[in-house]
């Protein structure tokens, strides 16, 4: 029984990462690990090189706006111009001091590009 388990484990270790599951490499924004942060190697929806990825393009004049995906901080709008994501529904928020918060629920479709136009008007005082 032990030999069978060892052989099975060896076979699994020789499989390419794509066959073993959803191994993902994300785009160029920041580094770090932990809950609520999409860091490098972290299990995230940003999927380069996967055939079933969709694309989200942020178009906003506020480049220092903080971007949150499903409540988790992802980076700034200036660094996250284009994101490749697995198909599905996401809550996208952009926040910047002195500006209106932008929040929208989006659906990413495999092989398609979604352009998200945000104005984020200045809050009148």
N, C-alpha and C. Protein backbone atom coordinates (compact mmCIF):
# COMPACT_ATOMS: atom_id res chain seq x y z
N UNK A 1 0.82 -1.19 0.00
CA UNK A 1 0.00 0.00 0.00
C UNK A 1 0.86 1.26 0.00
N UNK A 2 1.96 1.24 0.80
CA UNK A 2 2.84 2.40 0.86
C UNK A 2 3.51 2.65 -0.49
N UNK A 3 3.92 1.56 -1.14
CA UNK A 3 4.58 1.69 -2.44
C UNK A 3 3.61 2.30 -3.46
N UNK A 4 2.38 1.88 -3.42
CA UNK A 4 1.38 2.41 -4.34
C UNK A 4 1.17 3.91 -4.12
N UNK A 5 1.10 4.34 -2.87
CA UNK A 5 0.97 5.76 -2.56
C UNK A 5 2.19 6.55 -3.02
N UNK A 6 3.39 6.00 -2.85
CA UNK A 6 4.60 6.68 -3.29
C UNK A 6 4.63 6.82 -4.81
N UNK A 7 4.22 5.78 -5.53
CA UNK A 7 4.18 5.85 -6.99
C UNK A 7 3.15 6.89 -7.43
N UNK A 8 2.00 6.90 -6.79
CA UNK A 8 0.97 7.87 -7.12
C UNK A 8 1.45 9.30 -6.87
N UNK A 9 2.11 9.52 -5.75
CA UNK A 9 2.64 10.85 -5.44
C UNK A 9 3.70 11.27 -6.45
N UNK A 10 4.55 10.33 -6.87
CA UNK A 10 5.59 10.64 -7.86
C UNK A 10 4.96 11.02 -9.20
N UNK A 11 3.90 10.33 -9.59
CA UNK A 11 3.22 10.64 -10.85
C UNK A 11 2.60 12.03 -10.78
N UNK A 12 1.97 12.36 -9.67
CA UNK A 12 1.37 13.69 -9.51
C UNK A 12 2.41 14.80 -9.57
N UNK A 13 3.59 14.54 -9.01
CA UNK A 13 4.62 15.57 -8.99
C UNK A 13 5.23 15.80 -10.37
N UNK A 14 5.10 14.84 -11.27
CA UNK A 14 5.67 15.01 -12.61
C UNK A 14 4.68 15.66 -13.58
N UNK A 15 3.42 15.80 -13.19
CA UNK A 15 2.44 16.44 -14.06
C UNK A 15 2.76 17.92 -14.19
N UNK A 16 2.48 18.52 -15.36
CA UNK A 16 2.67 19.97 -15.48
C UNK A 16 1.69 20.70 -14.57
N UNK A 17 2.05 21.92 -14.21
CA UNK A 17 1.23 22.71 -13.28
C UNK A 17 -0.19 22.90 -13.81
N UNK A 18 -0.36 23.04 -15.13
CA UNK A 18 -1.70 23.27 -15.68
C UNK A 18 -2.60 22.05 -15.50
N UNK A 19 -2.02 20.87 -15.44
CA UNK A 19 -2.83 19.67 -15.26
C UNK A 19 -3.19 19.45 -13.80
N UNK A 20 -2.42 20.03 -12.90
CA UNK A 20 -2.63 19.80 -11.47
C UNK A 20 -3.71 20.71 -10.89
N UNK A 21 -4.09 21.74 -11.58
CA UNK A 21 -5.11 22.63 -11.04
C UNK A 21 -4.95 24.03 -11.58
N UNK A 22 -5.40 25.01 -10.82
CA UNK A 22 -5.39 26.40 -11.28
C UNK A 22 -4.16 27.13 -10.77
N UNK A 23 -2.98 26.73 -11.21
CA UNK A 23 -1.76 27.46 -10.85
C UNK A 23 -1.72 28.73 -11.67
N UNK A 24 -1.58 29.86 -11.01
CA UNK A 24 -1.75 31.15 -11.67
C UNK A 24 -0.57 32.06 -11.37
N UNK A 25 -0.15 32.78 -12.38
CA UNK A 25 0.85 33.84 -12.19
C UNK A 25 0.14 35.14 -12.47
N UNK A 26 0.22 36.10 -11.57
CA UNK A 26 -0.51 37.34 -11.73
C UNK A 26 0.39 38.43 -12.30
N UNK A 27 -0.25 39.54 -12.67
CA UNK A 27 0.43 40.66 -13.32
C UNK A 27 1.30 41.48 -12.38
N UNK A 28 1.90 42.54 -12.88
CA UNK A 28 2.91 43.30 -12.16
C UNK A 28 2.37 44.37 -11.24
N UNK A 29 1.97 44.01 -10.05
CA UNK A 29 1.59 45.04 -9.08
C UNK A 29 1.95 44.57 -7.69
N UNK A 30 2.92 45.24 -7.09
CA UNK A 30 3.28 45.01 -5.70
C UNK A 30 3.76 43.62 -5.38
N UNK A 31 3.98 43.39 -4.12
CA UNK A 31 4.34 42.06 -3.64
C UNK A 31 3.84 41.92 -2.22
N UNK A 32 3.76 40.71 -1.76
CA UNK A 32 3.30 40.47 -0.40
C UNK A 32 2.28 39.36 -0.37
N UNK A 33 2.07 38.86 0.82
CA UNK A 33 1.14 37.76 1.00
C UNK A 33 0.20 38.08 2.14
N UNK A 34 -0.87 37.36 2.20
CA UNK A 34 -1.77 37.50 3.33
C UNK A 34 -3.20 37.68 2.87
N UNK A 35 -4.12 37.55 3.81
CA UNK A 35 -5.52 37.69 3.45
C UNK A 35 -5.83 39.10 2.96
N UNK A 36 -6.63 39.19 1.93
CA UNK A 36 -7.04 40.48 1.42
C UNK A 36 -6.02 41.15 0.52
N UNK A 37 -5.02 40.41 0.04
CA UNK A 37 -4.02 41.00 -0.85
C UNK A 37 -3.69 40.02 -1.95
N UNK A 38 -3.70 40.49 -3.18
CA UNK A 38 -3.38 39.64 -4.31
C UNK A 38 -1.88 39.72 -4.56
N UNK A 39 -1.08 38.97 -3.86
CA UNK A 39 0.37 39.01 -4.00
C UNK A 39 0.86 37.99 -5.01
N UNK A 40 2.17 37.98 -5.30
CA UNK A 40 2.71 37.07 -6.30
C UNK A 40 2.58 35.61 -5.85
N UNK A 41 2.15 34.77 -6.75
CA UNK A 41 2.00 33.37 -6.44
C UNK A 41 0.77 33.08 -5.60
N UNK A 42 0.13 34.09 -5.11
CA UNK A 42 -1.07 33.92 -4.30
C UNK A 42 -2.19 33.43 -5.20
N UNK A 43 -3.07 32.62 -4.69
CA UNK A 43 -4.17 32.10 -5.48
C UNK A 43 -5.11 33.24 -5.81
N UNK A 44 -4.98 33.79 -6.99
CA UNK A 44 -5.74 34.98 -7.35
C UNK A 44 -6.45 34.82 -8.68
N UNK A 45 -7.36 35.75 -9.00
CA UNK A 45 -8.09 35.64 -10.26
C UNK A 45 -7.31 36.17 -11.46
N UNK A 46 -6.11 36.70 -11.25
CA UNK A 46 -5.34 37.26 -12.36
C UNK A 46 -4.61 36.13 -13.05
N UNK A 47 -4.90 35.90 -14.31
CA UNK A 47 -4.43 34.69 -14.96
C UNK A 47 -3.74 34.98 -16.28
N UNK A 48 -2.42 35.04 -16.25
CA UNK A 48 -1.68 35.18 -17.50
C UNK A 48 -1.44 33.79 -18.07
N UNK A 49 -1.61 33.66 -19.35
CA UNK A 49 -1.29 32.40 -20.00
C UNK A 49 -2.35 31.33 -19.87
N UNK A 50 -3.51 31.66 -19.38
CA UNK A 50 -4.57 30.65 -19.32
C UNK A 50 -5.53 30.90 -20.47
N UNK A 51 -5.92 29.86 -21.17
CA UNK A 51 -6.76 30.03 -22.35
C UNK A 51 -8.17 30.53 -22.02
N UNK A 52 -8.61 30.38 -20.79
CA UNK A 52 -9.97 30.78 -20.46
C UNK A 52 -10.02 32.11 -19.71
N UNK A 53 -9.01 32.96 -19.89
CA UNK A 53 -8.98 34.24 -19.18
C UNK A 53 -9.74 35.32 -19.95
N UNK A 54 -10.32 36.23 -19.20
CA UNK A 54 -10.93 37.42 -19.77
C UNK A 54 -10.08 38.62 -19.37
N UNK A 55 -10.35 39.76 -19.97
CA UNK A 55 -9.52 40.93 -19.73
C UNK A 55 -10.38 42.08 -19.20
N UNK A 56 -9.87 42.78 -18.18
CA UNK A 56 -10.53 43.95 -17.63
C UNK A 56 -9.58 45.13 -17.77
N UNK A 57 -10.04 46.17 -18.48
CA UNK A 57 -9.23 47.38 -18.66
C UNK A 57 -9.86 48.51 -17.87
N UNK A 58 -9.07 49.12 -16.99
CA UNK A 58 -9.52 50.27 -16.22
C UNK A 58 -9.17 51.54 -16.96
N UNK A 59 -10.15 52.38 -17.19
CA UNK A 59 -9.93 53.67 -17.84
C UNK A 59 -10.42 54.76 -16.90
N UNK A 60 -9.47 55.40 -16.21
CA UNK A 60 -9.80 56.45 -15.25
C UNK A 60 -8.72 57.52 -15.27
N UNK A 61 -9.12 58.79 -15.09
CA UNK A 61 -8.11 59.84 -15.03
C UNK A 61 -7.38 59.89 -13.68
N UNK A 62 -7.90 59.18 -12.68
CA UNK A 62 -7.32 59.19 -11.33
C UNK A 62 -6.40 57.97 -11.19
N UNK A 63 -5.14 58.14 -11.53
CA UNK A 63 -4.19 57.02 -11.57
C UNK A 63 -3.78 56.54 -10.19
N UNK A 64 -3.94 57.38 -9.15
CA UNK A 64 -3.56 56.95 -7.80
C UNK A 64 -4.74 56.37 -7.01
N UNK A 65 -5.87 56.16 -7.67
CA UNK A 65 -7.03 55.56 -7.01
C UNK A 65 -6.71 54.12 -6.61
N UNK A 66 -7.15 53.74 -5.41
CA UNK A 66 -6.95 52.38 -4.93
C UNK A 66 -8.01 51.47 -5.54
N UNK A 67 -7.59 50.31 -6.01
CA UNK A 67 -8.50 49.36 -6.65
C UNK A 67 -8.72 48.19 -5.68
N UNK A 68 -9.99 47.86 -5.48
CA UNK A 68 -10.37 46.73 -4.64
C UNK A 68 -11.18 45.75 -5.48
N UNK A 69 -10.83 44.48 -5.40
CA UNK A 69 -11.55 43.44 -6.12
C UNK A 69 -12.14 42.49 -5.08
N UNK A 70 -13.45 42.39 -5.07
CA UNK A 70 -14.18 41.59 -4.08
C UNK A 70 -13.77 41.96 -2.66
N UNK A 71 -13.54 43.26 -2.42
CA UNK A 71 -13.20 43.74 -1.10
C UNK A 71 -11.73 43.68 -0.74
N UNK A 72 -10.90 43.08 -1.59
CA UNK A 72 -9.47 42.95 -1.31
C UNK A 72 -8.68 43.96 -2.12
N UNK A 73 -7.71 44.61 -1.48
CA UNK A 73 -6.88 45.59 -2.15
C UNK A 73 -6.04 44.92 -3.23
N UNK A 74 -6.04 45.50 -4.45
CA UNK A 74 -5.29 44.92 -5.57
C UNK A 74 -4.15 45.81 -6.02
N UNK A 75 -4.21 47.12 -5.77
CA UNK A 75 -3.16 48.04 -6.20
C UNK A 75 -3.79 49.36 -6.63
N UNK A 76 -3.00 50.16 -7.35
CA UNK A 76 -3.51 51.45 -7.82
C UNK A 76 -3.93 51.34 -9.28
N UNK A 77 -4.83 52.23 -9.68
CA UNK A 77 -5.37 52.19 -11.04
C UNK A 77 -4.28 52.42 -12.08
N UNK A 78 -3.28 53.22 -11.75
CA UNK A 78 -2.19 53.47 -12.69
C UNK A 78 -1.37 52.23 -12.99
N UNK A 79 -1.22 51.34 -12.01
CA UNK A 79 -0.45 50.11 -12.21
C UNK A 79 -1.30 48.97 -12.74
N UNK A 80 -2.60 49.03 -12.52
CA UNK A 80 -3.51 47.95 -12.92
C UNK A 80 -4.33 48.33 -14.13
N UNK A 81 -3.71 48.88 -15.13
CA UNK A 81 -4.46 49.31 -16.32
C UNK A 81 -5.20 48.15 -16.97
N UNK A 82 -4.53 47.01 -17.07
CA UNK A 82 -5.12 45.83 -17.69
C UNK A 82 -4.91 44.64 -16.77
N UNK A 83 -5.99 43.88 -16.52
CA UNK A 83 -5.90 42.69 -15.68
C UNK A 83 -6.52 41.52 -16.43
N UNK A 84 -5.89 40.37 -16.36
CA UNK A 84 -6.42 39.14 -16.94
C UNK A 84 -6.99 38.32 -15.80
N UNK A 85 -8.27 37.96 -15.93
CA UNK A 85 -8.97 37.32 -14.82
C UNK A 85 -9.76 36.11 -15.31
N UNK A 86 -9.98 35.18 -14.39
CA UNK A 86 -10.81 34.02 -14.70
C UNK A 86 -12.25 34.50 -14.91
N UNK A 87 -13.00 33.83 -15.75
CA UNK A 87 -14.41 34.20 -15.95
C UNK A 87 -15.18 34.14 -14.64
N UNK A 88 -16.07 35.09 -14.47
CA UNK A 88 -16.88 35.12 -13.26
C UNK A 88 -17.30 36.52 -12.90
N UNK A 89 -18.00 36.64 -11.77
CA UNK A 89 -18.51 37.90 -11.30
C UNK A 89 -17.56 38.48 -10.25
N UNK A 90 -17.27 39.79 -10.37
CA UNK A 90 -16.37 40.47 -9.44
C UNK A 90 -16.97 41.81 -9.04
N UNK A 91 -16.76 42.20 -7.79
CA UNK A 91 -17.12 43.53 -7.31
C UNK A 91 -15.87 44.39 -7.41
N UNK A 92 -15.91 45.42 -8.25
CA UNK A 92 -14.77 46.30 -8.47
C UNK A 92 -15.06 47.64 -7.80
N UNK A 93 -14.13 48.13 -6.97
CA UNK A 93 -14.25 49.44 -6.33
C UNK A 93 -12.98 50.23 -6.56
N UNK A 94 -13.14 51.52 -6.82
CA UNK A 94 -12.02 52.44 -6.90
C UNK A 94 -12.27 53.54 -5.88
N UNK A 95 -11.25 53.84 -5.07
CA UNK A 95 -11.38 54.85 -4.02
C UNK A 95 -10.18 55.78 -4.09
N UNK A 96 -10.45 57.07 -3.95
CA UNK A 96 -9.40 58.08 -3.90
C UNK A 96 -9.87 59.20 -2.98
N UNK A 97 -8.96 59.77 -2.18
CA UNK A 97 -9.34 60.86 -1.28
C UNK A 97 -9.89 62.06 -2.06
N UNK A 98 -11.00 62.61 -1.59
CA UNK A 98 -11.60 63.78 -2.22
C UNK A 98 -12.38 63.48 -3.49
N UNK A 99 -12.56 62.21 -3.82
CA UNK A 99 -13.29 61.81 -5.03
C UNK A 99 -14.45 60.89 -4.67
N UNK A 100 -15.45 60.86 -5.54
CA UNK A 100 -16.56 59.92 -5.36
C UNK A 100 -16.03 58.49 -5.52
N UNK A 101 -16.54 57.60 -4.68
CA UNK A 101 -16.17 56.19 -4.79
C UNK A 101 -16.87 55.58 -6.00
N UNK A 102 -16.15 54.77 -6.75
CA UNK A 102 -16.73 54.06 -7.89
C UNK A 102 -16.89 52.60 -7.48
N UNK A 103 -18.07 52.03 -7.66
CA UNK A 103 -18.32 50.63 -7.34
C UNK A 103 -19.21 50.03 -8.42
N UNK A 104 -18.81 48.89 -8.91
CA UNK A 104 -19.61 48.22 -9.93
C UNK A 104 -19.36 46.72 -9.88
N UNK A 105 -20.42 45.96 -10.12
CA UNK A 105 -20.32 44.51 -10.24
C UNK A 105 -20.13 44.20 -11.72
N UNK A 106 -19.08 43.44 -12.05
CA UNK A 106 -18.79 43.13 -13.45
C UNK A 106 -18.75 41.62 -13.64
N UNK A 107 -18.97 41.20 -14.87
CA UNK A 107 -18.85 39.79 -15.22
C UNK A 107 -17.78 39.66 -16.29
N UNK A 108 -16.75 38.89 -16.01
CA UNK A 108 -15.65 38.66 -16.94
C UNK A 108 -15.97 37.43 -17.77
N UNK A 109 -15.84 37.57 -19.09
CA UNK A 109 -16.11 36.48 -20.02
C UNK A 109 -14.79 36.04 -20.65
N UNK A 110 -14.58 34.75 -20.76
CA UNK A 110 -13.34 34.21 -21.34
C UNK A 110 -13.14 34.72 -22.76
N UNK A 111 -11.93 35.21 -23.04
CA UNK A 111 -11.59 35.66 -24.38
C UNK A 111 -12.13 37.03 -24.76
N UNK A 112 -12.80 37.72 -23.84
CA UNK A 112 -13.39 39.03 -24.11
C UNK A 112 -12.72 40.10 -23.24
N UNK A 113 -12.80 41.35 -23.72
CA UNK A 113 -12.26 42.50 -22.99
C UNK A 113 -13.40 43.37 -22.50
N UNK A 114 -13.38 43.70 -21.22
CA UNK A 114 -14.36 44.61 -20.63
C UNK A 114 -13.64 45.90 -20.27
N UNK A 115 -14.08 47.02 -20.86
CA UNK A 115 -13.51 48.33 -20.55
C UNK A 115 -14.38 49.00 -19.51
N UNK A 116 -13.77 49.39 -18.41
CA UNK A 116 -14.49 50.00 -17.30
C UNK A 116 -14.11 51.48 -17.24
N UNK A 117 -15.03 52.35 -17.64
CA UNK A 117 -14.81 53.80 -17.64
C UNK A 117 -15.27 54.37 -16.31
N UNK A 118 -14.37 55.04 -15.61
CA UNK A 118 -14.70 55.63 -14.31
C UNK A 118 -14.33 57.10 -14.33
N UNK A 119 -15.24 57.96 -13.88
CA UNK A 119 -14.96 59.40 -13.83
C UNK A 119 -14.43 59.81 -12.46
N UNK A 120 -15.04 59.31 -11.40
CA UNK A 120 -14.64 59.64 -10.03
C UNK A 120 -14.57 61.15 -9.84
N UNK A 121 -15.71 61.81 -9.93
CA UNK A 121 -15.78 63.26 -9.80
C UNK A 121 -15.28 63.74 -8.46
N UNK A 122 -14.77 64.96 -8.42
CA UNK A 122 -14.33 65.58 -7.18
C UNK A 122 -15.55 65.87 -6.32
N UNK A 123 -15.44 65.56 -5.03
CA UNK A 123 -16.54 65.80 -4.09
C UNK A 123 -16.58 67.29 -3.76
N UNK A 124 -17.75 67.92 -3.95
CA UNK A 124 -17.91 69.34 -3.64
C UNK A 124 -17.97 69.52 -2.14
N UNK A 125 -17.29 70.52 -1.64
CA UNK A 125 -17.28 70.77 -0.19
C UNK A 125 -18.11 71.96 0.16
